Amino acid sequence: MYTLITVLIFITCVLLILIVLVQNSKGGGLASNFQSSNQIMGVRKTTDFLEKFTWGLAGALLVLSVLGSAFIPRTAEEVNQSAIQEQIENAVDPNAVPNFPTTVPDQEQPTEETPAE
């Protein structure tokens, strides 16, 4: 269900972008193509339709966003153990003094040899 709502939100966003790009606040845009007086939809009706469609898509986006937040998949493990809590537990203490190794494991330690007589 969450995936379906996410896809619907994506489609709504794309349509909203296209409708807003078609509009022109100074009376141009898609309405400028209907200059002839004998068209079924005149300039004013085109802008009314685009404005209503924009508001409808904005409302649909709002409703789908609220529904999407209600259908976010949650499991008991995710609720008990969050990513932030995991980072806090695995964090290194910045005040800790680093421990440097006292012996080098790859090289042999020098041994005292008795001088040859």
C-alpha atoms as a PDB file:
ATOM      1  CA  MET A   1       0.000   0.000   0.000  1.00  0.00           C
ATOM      2  CA  TYR A   2       2.863   2.352   0.853  1.00  0.00           C
ATOM      3  CA  THR A   3       4.444   1.750  -2.553  1.00  0.00           C
ATOM      4  CA  LEU A   4       1.160   2.510  -4.322  1.00  0.00           C
ATOM      5  CA  ILE A   5       0.753   5.779  -2.420  1.00  0.00           C
ATOM      6  CA  THR A   6       4.373   6.712  -3.169  1.00  0.00           C
ATOM      7  CA  VAL A   7       3.813   6.131  -6.899  1.00  0.00           C
ATOM      8  CA  LEU A   8       0.608   8.203  -6.794  1.00  0.00           C
ATOM      9  CA  ILE A   9       2.490  11.025  -5.028  1.00  0.00           C
ATOM     10  CA  PHE A  10       5.168  10.923  -7.724  1.00  0.00           C
ATOM     11  CA  ILE A  11       2.591  11.051 -10.533  1.00  0.00           C
ATOM     12  CA  THR A  12       0.767  13.916  -8.806  1.00  0.00           C
ATOM     13  CA  CYS A  13       4.009  15.860  -8.457  1.00  0.00           C
ATOM     14  CA  VAL A  14       4.879  15.427 -12.135  1.00  0.00           C
ATOM     15  CA  LEU A  15       1.386  16.525 -13.204  1.00  0.00           C
ATOM     16  CA  LEU A  16       1.526  19.510 -10.864  1.00  0.00           C
ATOM     17  CA  ILE A  17       4.877  20.573 -12.311  1.00  0.00           C
ATOM     18  CA  LEU A  18       3.542  20.306 -15.861  1.00  0.00           C
ATOM     19  CA  ILE A  19       0.356  22.251 -15.075  1.00  0.00           C
ATOM     20  CA  VAL A  20       2.280  25.029 -13.352  1.00  0.00           C
ATOM     21  CA  LEU A  21       4.692  25.276 -16.286  1.00  0.00           C
ATOM     22  CA  VAL A  22       1.782  25.535 -18.751  1.00  0.00           C
ATOM     23  CA  GLN A  23       0.306  28.459 -16.840  1.00  0.00           C
ATOM     24  CA  ASN A  24       1.518  31.995 -17.293  1.00  0.00           C
ATOM     25  CA  SER A  25       0.570  34.621 -14.756  1.00  0.00           C
ATOM     26  CA  LYS A  26       0.291  37.340 -17.423  1.00  0.00           C
ATOM     27  CA  GLY A  27      -2.376  35.612 -19.497  1.00  0.00           C
ATOM     28  CA  GLY A  28      -0.033  33.628 -21.765  1.00  0.00           C
ATOM     29  CA  GLY A  29       0.786  29.954 -21.510  1.00  0.00           C
ATOM     30  CA  LEU A  30      -1.744  27.480 -22.827  1.00  0.00           C
ATOM     31  CA  ALA A  31      -4.418  30.184 -22.908  1.00  0.00           C
ATOM     32  CA  SER A  32      -2.467  32.103 -25.573  1.00  0.00           C
ATOM     33  CA  ASN A  33      -3.103  29.307 -28.081  1.00  0.00           C
ATOM     34  CA  PHE A  34      -6.866  29.988 -27.983  1.00  0.00           C
ATOM     35  CA  GLN A  35      -6.889  33.374 -29.718  1.00  0.00           C
ATOM     36  CA  SER A  36      -9.734  32.591 -32.078  1.00  0.00           C
ATOM     37  CA  SER A  37     -13.153  33.845 -31.013  1.00  0.00           C
ATOM     38  CA  ASN A  38     -15.065  30.748 -32.126  1.00  0.00           C
ATOM     39  CA  GLN A  39     -13.296  28.249 -29.870  1.00  0.00           C
ATOM     40  CA  ILE A  40     -15.337  26.149 -27.462  1.00  0.00           C
ATOM     41  CA  MET A  41     -13.075  27.002 -24.543  1.00  0.00           C
ATOM     42  CA  GLY A  42     -12.130  30.627 -24.488  1.00  0.00           C
ATOM     43  CA  VAL A  43      -9.085  32.171 -22.835  1.00  0.00           C
ATOM     44  CA  ARG A  44     -10.857  32.810 -19.547  1.00  0.00           C
ATOM     45  CA  LYS A  45     -12.250  29.285 -19.272  1.00  0.00           C
ATOM     46  CA  THR A  46      -8.830  27.773 -19.956  1.00  0.00           C
ATOM     47  CA  THR A  47      -7.224  29.699 -17.129  1.00  0.00           C
ATOM     48  CA  ASP A  48     -10.122  28.809 -14.806  1.00  0.00           C
ATOM     49  CA  PHE A  49      -9.695  25.128 -15.659  1.00  0.00           C
ATOM     50  CA  LEU A  50      -5.918  25.229 -15.135  1.00  0.00           C
ATOM     51  CA  GLU A  51      -6.284  27.044 -11.832  1.00  0.00           C
ATOM     52  CA  LYS A  52      -8.890  24.568 -10.548  1.00  0.00           C
ATOM     53  CA  PHE A  53      -6.809  21.633 -11.725  1.00  0.00           C
ATOM     54  CA  THR A  54      -3.738  23.076  -9.952  1.00  0.00           C
ATOM     55  CA  TRP A  55      -5.659  23.446  -6.687  1.00  0.00           C
ATOM     56  CA  GLY A  56      -7.057  19.926  -7.091  1.00  0.00           C
ATOM     57  CA  LEU A  57      -3.596  18.448  -7.602  1.00  0.00           C
ATOM     58  CA  ALA A  58      -2.233  20.391  -4.630  1.00  0.00           C
ATOM     59  CA  GLY A  59      -5.042  19.032  -2.450  1.00  0.00           C
ATOM     60  CA  ALA A  60      -4.479  15.508  -3.739  1.00  0.00           C
ATOM     61  CA  LEU A  61      -0.772  15.828  -2.956  1.00  0.00           C
ATOM     62  CA  LEU A  62      -1.580  16.928   0.588  1.00  0.00           C
ATOM     63  CA  VAL A  63      -4.008  14.048   1.157  1.00  0.00           C
ATOM     64  CA  LEU A  64      -1.637  11.473  -0.358  1.00  0.00           C
ATOM     65  CA  SER A  65       1.232  12.738   1.778  1.00  0.00           C
ATOM     66  CA  VAL A  66      -0.809  12.330   4.975  1.00  0.00           C
ATOM     67  CA  LEU A  67      -1.944   8.862   3.868  1.00  0.00           C
ATOM     68  CA  GLY A  68       1.626   7.943   2.972  1.00  0.00           C
ATOM     69  CA  SER A  69       2.846   8.849   6.433  1.00  0.00           C
ATOM     70  CA  ALA A  70       0.118   6.652   7.943  1.00  0.00           C
ATOM     71  CA  PHE A  71       1.155   3.638   5.855  1.00  0.00           C
ATOM     72  CA  ILE A  72       4.924   3.769   6.461  1.00  0.00           C
ATOM     73  CA  PRO A  73       6.015   0.187   7.180  1.00  0.00           C
ATOM     74  CA  ARG A  74       7.117  -0.191  10.771  1.00  0.00           C
ATOM     75  CA  THR A  75       8.447  -3.282  12.516  1.00  0.00           C
ATOM     76  CA  ALA A  76       9.090  -3.917  16.200  1.00  0.00           C
ATOM     77  CA  GLU A  77      12.843  -4.141  15.588  1.00  0.00           C
ATOM     78  CA  GLU A  78      12.992  -0.714  13.947  1.00  0.00           C
ATOM     79  CA  VAL A  79      11.044   0.878  16.791  1.00  0.00           C
ATOM     80  CA  ASN A  80      13.307  -0.601  19.496  1.00  0.00           C
ATOM     81  CA  GLN A  81      16.621  -0.080  17.725  1.00  0.00           C
ATOM     82  CA  SER A  82      17.004   3.079  15.680  1.00  0.00           C
ATOM     83  CA  ALA A  83      19.964   4.029  13.522  1.00  0.00           C
ATOM     84  CA  ILE A  84      20.805   6.966  15.765  1.00  0.00           C
ATOM     85  CA  GLN A  85      20.897   4.765  18.859  1.00  0.00           C
ATOM     86  CA  GLU A  86      23.194   2.338  17.032  1.00  0.00           C
ATOM     87  CA  GLN A  87      25.577   5.169  16.135  1.00  0.00           C
ATOM     88  CA  ILE A  88      25.618   6.357  19.743  1.00  0.00           C
ATOM     89  CA  GLU A  89      26.508   2.885  20.991  1.00  0.00           C
ATOM     90  CA  ASN A  90      29.297   2.444  18.421  1.00  0.00           C
ATOM     91  CA  ALA A  91      30.779   5.921  18.904  1.00  0.00           C
ATOM     92  CA  VAL A  92      34.406   6.239  20.000  1.00  0.00           C
ATOM     93  CA  ASP A  93      35.059   8.250  23.154  1.00  0.00           C
ATOM     94  CA  PRO A  94      36.944  11.380  22.034  1.00  0.00           C
ATOM     95  CA  ASN A  95      38.505  11.812  25.505  1.00  0.00           C
ATOM     96  CA  ALA A  96      40.019   8.333  25.556  1.00  0.00           C
ATOM     97  CA  VAL A  97      43.802   8.134  25.298  1.00  0.00           C
ATOM     98  CA  PRO A  98      44.861   5.920  22.409  1.00  0.00           C
ATOM     99  CA  ASN A  99      46.819   2.802  23.321  1.00  0.00           C
ATOM    100  CA  PHE A 100      49.895   2.367  21.228  1.00  0.00           C
ATOM    101  CA  PRO A 101      51.397  -1.122  20.986  1.00  0.00           C
ATOM    102  CA  THR A 102      54.589  -1.568  22.995  1.00  0.00           C
ATOM    103  CA  THR A 103      55.909  -4.423  20.878  1.00  0.00           C
ATOM    104  CA  VAL A 104      56.033  -4.796  17.158  1.00  0.00           C
ATOM    105  CA  PRO A 105      54.538  -8.179  16.269  1.00  0.00           C
ATOM    106  CA  ASP A 106      56.113  -8.455  12.800  1.00  0.00           C
ATOM    107  CA  GLN A 107      59.738  -8.020  13.890  1.00  0.00           C
ATOM    108  CA  GLU A 108      61.723 -10.121  16.283  1.00  0.00           C
ATOM    109  CA  GLN A 109      62.836  -8.599  19.519  1.00  0.00           C
ATOM    110  CA  PRO A 110      66.601  -8.136  19.834  1.00  0.00           C
ATOM    111  CA  THR A 111      68.209 -10.698  22.090  1.00  0.00           C
ATOM    112  CA  GLU A 112      71.334 -10.308  24.113  1.00  0.00           C
ATOM    113  CA  GLU A 113      74.096 -12.405  22.731  1.00  0.00           C
ATOM    114  CA  THR A 114      77.145 -13.359  24.648  1.00  0.00           C
ATOM    115  CA  PRO A 115      80.339 -12.212  23.008  1.00  0.00           C
ATOM    116  CA  ALA A 116      82.349 -14.960  21.415  1.00  0.00           C
ATOM    117  CA  GLU A 117      85.632 -15.788  23.221  1.00  0.00           C
END
